[in-house]
Amino acid sequence: MKKTIQAFTLVELLVVIVIIAILAGIALPVFQKAQEKGKAISDMSNLRQLGIGIQAYKGDNDGSILALSTDVTPAKAWPEQLNPTYVSSWKVFKSPFDTRTSSETASAAPVSYGINDEKSILGIDSSKFNYPSNLVMMIPAVNAASSSLAYDATAIGTAEVKVKAPTIDDRGTHGSRKRVNVLFADGHTEDILWIKLRDKTTSEGLKRWVYDTP
């Protein structure tokens, strides 16, 4: 007696496809969120390593926070002052959110982070910092004019990579562009709201950006 092999009907196949599509639609945002969180953690790790490098540089240079490129012979932008003596790999200078090609060649290495230049802290004795735990040392150098996540910073050797207090909303690196990782002058890091970071109108906001605020 022959066995009858039953195949899926077209309707049943369509139902399966729809179910798979629904499950994929649910899983994709979860995957993207997890991927973003992983990048944010790696970004924070980079800032911590840069902070450790800066602290070591301070110890060898009488407390000075790096130096202006023109004050170094031969002239060197601040990333070159850290690499390779205090930060061994150029990969640390590149955020995982930065899509530019990595390089271990100094002249081509992309730098995603910028030093606080609201009132330049390069070459300043860190003992002059009134509130080091509040003062921004470094943040991702996000291009405020771009609707997508892009960076102002270029390959080092072109210019100092600096940043000022942001002036627009929602230009962070993660959390729907609303959050950003920050390295503070005392060496600690935080994940904070971009809109909070950009505020210079309050006493607390000034302490973030101006090192000698009373």
Protein backbone atom coordinates (compact mmCIF):
# COMPACT_ATOMS: atom_id res chain seq x y z
CA MET A 1 0.00 0.00 0.00
CA LYS A 2 1.46 3.32 -1.09
CA LYS A 3 2.02 6.02 1.50
CA THR A 4 0.70 9.44 0.58
CA ILE A 5 3.28 12.20 0.99
CA GLN A 6 1.63 15.43 1.97
CA ALA A 7 3.36 18.62 0.88
CA PHE A 8 2.85 22.08 2.30
CA THR A 9 0.17 24.04 0.56
CA LEU A 10 0.94 27.51 -0.77
CA VAL A 11 -1.08 29.06 2.05
CA GLU A 12 0.86 27.11 4.68
CA LEU A 13 4.17 28.17 3.14
CA LEU A 14 3.08 31.80 3.15
CA VAL A 15 2.08 31.53 6.81
CA VAL A 16 5.52 30.12 7.70
CA ILE A 17 7.25 32.90 5.75
CA VAL A 18 5.16 35.55 7.50
CA ILE A 19 5.95 34.06 10.92
CA ILE A 20 9.69 34.01 10.11
CA ALA A 21 9.51 37.62 8.92
CA ILE A 22 7.75 38.69 12.14
CA LEU A 23 10.33 36.91 14.31
CA ALA A 24 13.16 38.48 12.32
CA GLY A 25 11.56 41.89 12.74
CA ILE A 26 11.47 41.38 16.50
CA ALA A 27 15.01 39.99 16.73
CA LEU A 28 16.73 42.62 14.56
CA PRO A 29 16.23 45.62 16.90
CA VAL A 30 17.37 43.47 19.84
CA PHE A 31 20.50 42.46 17.92
CA GLN A 32 21.20 46.05 16.88
CA LYS A 33 20.80 47.27 20.46
CA ALA A 34 23.18 44.58 21.72
CA GLN A 35 25.68 45.49 18.99
CA GLU A 36 25.48 49.18 19.89
CA LYS A 37 25.97 48.38 23.58
CA GLY A 38 29.08 46.37 22.73
CA LYS A 39 30.50 49.29 20.76
CA ALA A 40 29.71 51.71 23.59
CA ILE A 41 31.59 49.45 26.05
CA SER A 42 34.59 49.28 23.70
CA ASP A 43 34.45 53.06 23.20
CA MET A 44 34.52 53.55 26.98
CA SER A 45 37.49 51.18 27.23
CA ASN A 46 39.40 53.29 24.69
CA LEU A 47 38.78 56.43 26.71
CA ARG A 48 39.93 54.70 29.90
CA GLN A 49 43.17 53.61 28.21
CA LEU A 50 43.74 57.12 26.89
CA GLY A 51 43.11 58.43 30.40
CA ILE A 52 45.71 56.06 31.84
CA GLY A 53 48.16 57.18 29.17
CA ILE A 54 47.56 60.85 29.98
CA GLN A 55 48.04 60.21 33.71
CA ALA A 56 51.36 58.50 32.95
CA TYR A 57 52.39 61.41 30.71
CA LYS A 58 51.56 63.82 33.56
CA GLY A 59 53.80 61.86 35.90
CA ASP A 60 56.74 62.28 33.53
CA ASN A 61 56.08 65.94 32.72
CA ASP A 62 55.49 67.75 36.01
CA GLY A 63 51.73 67.37 35.93
CA SER A 64 51.28 68.90 32.47
CA ILE A 65 48.28 67.74 30.42
CA LEU A 66 50.16 66.90 27.24
CA ALA A 67 51.42 69.90 25.24
CA LEU A 68 50.58 72.10 22.30
CA SER A 69 52.15 70.64 19.18
CA THR A 70 54.17 73.85 18.74
CA ASP A 71 55.70 73.41 22.21
CA VAL A 72 57.23 70.04 21.30
CA THR A 73 60.42 69.57 19.30
CA PRO A 74 59.91 68.16 16.76
CA ALA A 75 56.28 69.32 16.63
CA LYS A 76 53.84 66.57 17.59
CA ALA A 77 50.05 66.65 17.96
CA TRP A 78 48.84 65.28 21.30
CA PRO A 79 48.06 61.75 19.96
CA GLU A 80 51.69 61.43 18.83
CA GLN A 81 52.80 62.53 22.30
CA LEU A 82 50.95 59.51 23.73
CA ASN A 83 51.80 56.90 21.10
CA PRO A 84 53.73 54.67 21.44
CA THR A 85 55.26 55.52 24.84
CA TYR A 86 52.01 55.79 26.83
CA VAL A 87 49.41 54.22 24.50
CA SER A 88 50.96 51.45 22.44
CA SER A 89 48.37 50.96 19.68
CA TRP A 90 46.72 53.46 17.35
CA LYS A 91 43.57 51.33 17.54
CA VAL A 92 42.86 52.84 20.96
CA PHE A 93 42.48 56.27 19.33
CA LYS A 94 39.72 55.02 17.00
CA SER A 95 36.17 54.62 18.28
CA PRO A 96 34.29 51.43 17.28
CA PHE A 97 31.56 53.79 16.03
CA ASP A 98 34.06 55.34 13.61
CA THR A 99 33.83 53.61 10.20
CA ARG A 100 37.15 54.91 8.88
CA THR A 101 39.86 52.37 8.11
CA SER A 102 42.20 51.58 10.98
CA SER A 103 45.91 52.01 10.58
CA GLU A 104 48.99 51.52 12.73
CA THR A 105 50.84 54.11 10.66
CA ALA A 106 50.96 57.39 12.57
CA SER A 107 50.29 59.63 9.56
CA ALA A 108 47.21 57.62 8.55
CA ALA A 109 45.75 56.56 11.91
CA PRO A 110 42.24 58.01 12.38
CA VAL A 111 41.65 59.71 15.73
CA SER A 112 38.03 59.68 16.91
CA TYR A 113 38.49 61.59 20.17
CA GLY A 114 39.20 65.23 20.90
CA ILE A 115 40.79 67.13 23.78
CA ASN A 116 38.67 69.77 25.54
CA ASP A 117 39.51 73.08 23.85
CA GLU A 118 36.73 75.25 25.27
CA LYS A 119 39.58 76.88 27.18
CA SER A 120 42.59 74.94 26.03
CA ILE A 121 43.97 72.52 28.61
CA LEU A 122 46.92 71.43 26.48
CA GLY A 123 50.13 72.33 28.27
CA ILE A 124 48.31 73.36 31.47
CA ASP A 125 49.55 72.15 34.86
CA SER A 126 46.76 69.88 36.10
CA SER A 127 47.13 71.32 39.61
CA LYS A 128 45.33 74.39 38.24
CA PHE A 129 42.17 72.38 37.58
CA ASN A 130 39.60 73.53 40.13
CA TYR A 131 37.20 70.61 39.65
CA PRO A 132 39.03 67.73 37.90
CA SER A 133 36.23 65.24 38.59
CA ASN A 134 33.82 67.54 36.71
CA LEU A 135 36.14 68.76 33.96
CA VAL A 136 35.81 67.13 30.53
CA MET A 137 39.18 65.89 29.33
CA MET A 138 38.13 64.09 26.17
CA ILE A 139 35.02 63.10 24.21
CA PRO A 140 34.34 61.61 20.77
CA ALA A 141 34.96 64.36 18.19
CA VAL A 142 31.50 64.05 16.63
CA ASN A 143 30.72 66.18 13.58
CA ALA A 144 27.81 68.32 14.75
CA ALA A 145 26.83 69.28 11.20
CA SER A 146 26.26 65.71 10.06
CA SER A 147 22.93 63.95 10.52
CA SER A 148 24.75 60.61 10.52
CA LEU A 149 27.48 59.65 12.98
CA ALA A 150 30.66 61.15 11.57
CA TYR A 151 33.82 62.57 13.11
CA ASP A 152 35.52 65.94 12.86
CA ALA A 153 38.89 64.44 13.69
CA THR A 154 41.24 63.54 10.86
CA ALA A 155 44.43 61.53 10.63
CA ILE A 156 46.91 62.87 13.16
CA GLY A 157 49.78 64.95 11.90
CA THR A 158 47.26 67.15 10.06
CA ALA A 159 46.20 69.22 13.08
CA GLU A 160 45.53 69.03 16.78
CA VAL A 161 42.33 67.09 17.45
CA LYS A 162 40.26 69.33 19.73
CA VAL A 163 36.62 69.72 20.72
CA LYS A 164 34.52 72.45 22.30
CA ALA A 165 31.27 72.09 24.22
CA PRO A 166 28.64 70.80 21.75
CA THR A 167 26.00 73.30 20.63
CA ILE A 168 23.18 71.10 19.30
CA ASP A 169 21.03 68.25 20.60
CA ASP A 170 21.19 64.55 19.81
CA ARG A 171 24.66 64.23 18.35
CA GLY A 172 26.01 61.57 20.66
CA THR A 173 27.36 58.19 19.61
CA HIS A 174 24.73 55.85 21.02
CA GLY A 175 21.31 55.67 22.66
CA SER A 176 19.58 57.15 19.60
CA ARG A 177 22.40 59.73 19.41
CA LYS A 178 21.43 61.00 22.86
CA ARG A 179 24.34 59.60 24.89
CA VAL A 180 28.11 59.86 24.79
CA ASN A 181 31.09 58.52 26.75
CA VAL A 182 33.28 61.10 28.48
CA LEU A 183 36.78 60.99 29.99
CA PHE A 184 37.16 63.44 32.87
CA ALA A 185 40.34 65.15 34.06
CA ASP A 186 40.64 62.97 37.17
CA GLY A 187 40.77 59.87 34.92
CA HIS A 188 37.25 58.49 35.47
CA THR A 189 34.79 57.89 32.62
CA GLU A 190 31.02 58.26 32.38
CA ASP A 191 28.23 57.59 29.92
CA ILE A 192 26.14 60.78 30.01
CA LEU A 193 23.35 62.52 28.12
CA TRP A 194 24.60 64.65 25.22
CA ILE A 195 22.15 67.42 26.11
CA LYS A 196 23.63 67.51 29.61
CA LEU A 197 27.17 67.58 28.24
CA ARG A 198 26.47 70.58 26.02
CA ASP A 199 25.02 72.77 28.75
CA LYS A 200 27.38 75.63 29.65
CA THR A 201 24.69 77.89 31.09
CA THR A 202 24.90 76.59 34.66
CA SER A 203 27.72 76.54 37.21
CA GLU A 204 27.92 72.76 36.85
CA GLY A 205 28.06 73.07 33.07
CA LEU A 206 30.93 75.58 33.18
CA LYS A 207 32.88 73.29 35.51
CA ARG A 208 32.70 70.63 32.82
CA TRP A 209 34.36 72.79 30.19
CA VAL A 210 36.46 75.54 31.81
CA TYR A 211 39.26 74.29 34.03
CA ASP A 212 39.63 77.39 36.23
CA THR A 213 35.93 78.07 36.81
CA PRO A 214 35.59 79.33 40.44
